[in-house]
N, C-alpha and C. Protein backbone atom coordinates (compact mmCIF):
# COMPACT_ATOMS: atom_id res chain seq x y z
N UNK A 1 0.84 -1.18 0.00
CA UNK A 1 0.00 0.00 0.00
C UNK A 1 0.89 1.25 0.00
N UNK A 2 0.66 2.14 -0.90
CA UNK A 2 1.50 3.33 -1.06
C UNK A 2 1.14 4.43 -0.08
N UNK A 3 2.08 5.35 0.09
CA UNK A 3 1.83 6.53 0.91
C UNK A 3 1.21 7.61 0.04
N UNK A 4 0.55 8.56 0.69
CA UNK A 4 -0.14 9.65 -0.01
C UNK A 4 0.15 10.95 0.72
N UNK A 5 0.27 12.03 -0.02
CA UNK A 5 0.48 13.34 0.57
C UNK A 5 -0.86 14.07 0.59
N UNK A 6 -1.26 14.52 1.79
CA UNK A 6 -2.55 15.17 1.96
C UNK A 6 -2.44 16.68 1.76
N UNK A 7 -3.56 17.36 1.87
CA UNK A 7 -3.61 18.81 1.71
C UNK A 7 -2.87 19.55 2.82
N UNK A 8 -2.44 18.84 3.85
CA UNK A 8 -1.68 19.46 4.93
C UNK A 8 -0.25 19.79 4.49
N UNK A 9 0.15 19.33 3.32
CA UNK A 9 1.50 19.55 2.79
C UNK A 9 1.79 21.05 2.67
N UNK A 10 2.96 21.44 3.16
CA UNK A 10 3.39 22.84 3.06
C UNK A 10 4.47 23.02 1.99
N UNK A 11 4.68 21.99 1.18
CA UNK A 11 5.64 22.01 0.07
C UNK A 11 7.03 22.42 0.50
N UNK A 12 7.48 21.90 1.63
CA UNK A 12 8.82 22.24 2.13
C UNK A 12 9.93 21.46 1.43
N UNK A 13 9.57 20.29 0.87
CA UNK A 13 10.55 19.50 0.13
C UNK A 13 11.39 18.56 0.97
N UNK A 14 11.17 18.51 2.26
CA UNK A 14 12.01 17.66 3.12
C UNK A 14 11.84 16.17 2.81
N UNK A 15 10.75 15.77 2.22
CA UNK A 15 10.49 14.36 1.92
C UNK A 15 11.24 13.87 0.68
N UNK A 16 11.47 14.74 -0.26
CA UNK A 16 12.04 14.35 -1.55
C UNK A 16 13.36 13.59 -1.44
N UNK A 17 14.37 14.11 -0.72
CA UNK A 17 15.64 13.38 -0.65
C UNK A 17 15.56 12.08 0.15
N UNK A 18 14.51 11.90 0.93
CA UNK A 18 14.37 10.69 1.74
C UNK A 18 13.86 9.50 0.95
N UNK A 19 13.24 9.73 -0.19
CA UNK A 19 12.63 8.64 -0.97
C UNK A 19 13.70 7.87 -1.75
N UNK A 20 13.87 6.58 -1.41
CA UNK A 20 14.92 5.79 -2.09
C UNK A 20 14.59 5.43 -3.54
N UNK A 21 13.33 5.57 -3.94
CA UNK A 21 12.94 5.21 -5.31
C UNK A 21 12.49 6.43 -6.12
N UNK A 22 12.73 7.62 -5.59
CA UNK A 22 12.39 8.88 -6.27
C UNK A 22 10.93 8.93 -6.73
N UNK A 23 10.02 8.56 -5.82
CA UNK A 23 8.59 8.54 -6.13
C UNK A 23 7.89 9.86 -5.84
N UNK A 24 8.59 10.81 -5.21
CA UNK A 24 7.97 12.07 -4.82
C UNK A 24 8.36 13.17 -5.80
N UNK A 25 7.34 13.90 -6.26
CA UNK A 25 7.57 14.99 -7.20
C UNK A 25 6.89 16.26 -6.70
N UNK A 26 7.46 17.39 -7.08
CA UNK A 26 6.86 18.67 -6.75
C UNK A 26 5.59 18.83 -7.58
N UNK A 27 4.52 19.18 -6.90
CA UNK A 27 3.26 19.38 -7.61
C UNK A 27 2.80 20.82 -7.48
N UNK A 28 1.58 21.06 -7.84
CA UNK A 28 1.02 22.41 -7.76
C UNK A 28 -0.32 22.34 -7.04
N UNK A 29 -0.43 22.71 -5.81
CA UNK A 29 0.58 23.38 -4.98
C UNK A 29 1.34 22.43 -4.05
N UNK A 30 0.91 21.16 -3.93
CA UNK A 30 1.57 20.25 -3.00
C UNK A 30 2.34 19.17 -3.73
N UNK A 31 3.23 18.51 -3.00
CA UNK A 31 4.00 17.41 -3.57
C UNK A 31 3.10 16.19 -3.77
N UNK A 32 3.52 15.29 -4.66
CA UNK A 32 2.75 14.08 -4.92
C UNK A 32 3.66 12.87 -4.86
N UNK A 33 3.06 11.71 -4.57
CA UNK A 33 3.79 10.45 -4.55
C UNK A 33 3.24 9.55 -5.63
N UNK A 34 4.11 9.04 -6.48
CA UNK A 34 3.71 8.11 -7.53
C UNK A 34 3.50 6.74 -6.88
N UNK A 35 2.24 6.32 -6.80
CA UNK A 35 1.89 5.07 -6.14
C UNK A 35 2.52 3.85 -6.80
N UNK A 36 2.81 3.95 -8.09
CA UNK A 36 3.43 2.84 -8.81
C UNK A 36 4.88 2.63 -8.37
N UNK A 37 5.56 3.72 -8.00
CA UNK A 37 6.96 3.65 -7.59
C UNK A 37 7.13 3.43 -6.09
N UNK A 38 6.18 3.90 -5.29
CA UNK A 38 6.27 3.87 -3.84
C UNK A 38 6.41 2.43 -3.32
N UNK A 39 7.42 2.23 -2.45
CA UNK A 39 7.66 0.90 -1.88
C UNK A 39 7.15 0.79 -0.44
N UNK A 40 6.43 1.80 0.01
CA UNK A 40 5.81 1.79 1.34
C UNK A 40 6.85 1.73 2.48
N UNK A 41 7.99 2.38 2.28
CA UNK A 41 9.04 2.32 3.30
C UNK A 41 8.77 3.28 4.46
N UNK A 42 8.05 4.38 4.20
CA UNK A 42 7.70 5.33 5.25
C UNK A 42 8.75 6.35 5.58
N UNK A 43 9.86 6.36 4.87
CA UNK A 43 10.92 7.33 5.16
C UNK A 43 10.43 8.76 5.00
N UNK A 44 9.59 9.01 4.04
CA UNK A 44 9.08 10.35 3.79
C UNK A 44 8.18 10.82 4.94
N UNK A 45 7.33 9.92 5.42
CA UNK A 45 6.41 10.24 6.51
C UNK A 45 7.17 10.57 7.79
N UNK A 46 8.29 9.90 8.00
CA UNK A 46 9.08 10.12 9.20
C UNK A 46 9.67 11.52 9.29
N UNK A 47 9.93 12.16 8.15
CA UNK A 47 10.56 13.48 8.15
C UNK A 47 9.59 14.63 7.89
N UNK A 48 8.35 14.33 7.58
CA UNK A 48 7.38 15.38 7.25
C UNK A 48 7.02 16.22 8.48
N UNK A 49 7.34 17.52 8.45
CA UNK A 49 7.08 18.37 9.62
C UNK A 49 5.60 18.67 9.85
N UNK A 50 4.78 18.53 8.80
CA UNK A 50 3.36 18.82 8.96
C UNK A 50 2.49 17.55 9.02
N UNK A 51 3.16 16.41 9.10
CA UNK A 51 2.47 15.12 9.18
C UNK A 51 1.44 14.96 8.06
N UNK A 52 1.84 15.40 6.86
CA UNK A 52 0.95 15.38 5.70
C UNK A 52 1.03 14.10 4.90
N UNK A 53 1.95 13.21 5.26
CA UNK A 53 2.14 11.97 4.49
C UNK A 53 1.56 10.80 5.28
N UNK A 54 0.58 10.13 4.67
CA UNK A 54 -0.11 9.05 5.35
C UNK A 54 -0.14 7.80 4.47
N UNK A 55 -0.26 6.66 5.13
CA UNK A 55 -0.39 5.41 4.40
C UNK A 55 -1.82 5.26 3.92
N UNK A 56 -1.97 4.87 2.66
CA UNK A 56 -3.32 4.70 2.09
C UNK A 56 -3.94 3.41 2.55
């Protein structure tokens, strides 16, 4: 099950370098996670300051 970025995202970018499979991209206005690439590791959720990344 992939992770998802909610509307709580403040587009700080702290999650991007944490993703080992480069599944996170800058969106408009919030970042997005490609569910096809996401390996459900949770590294992005661990560093999110606004707790905007949740498991689907």
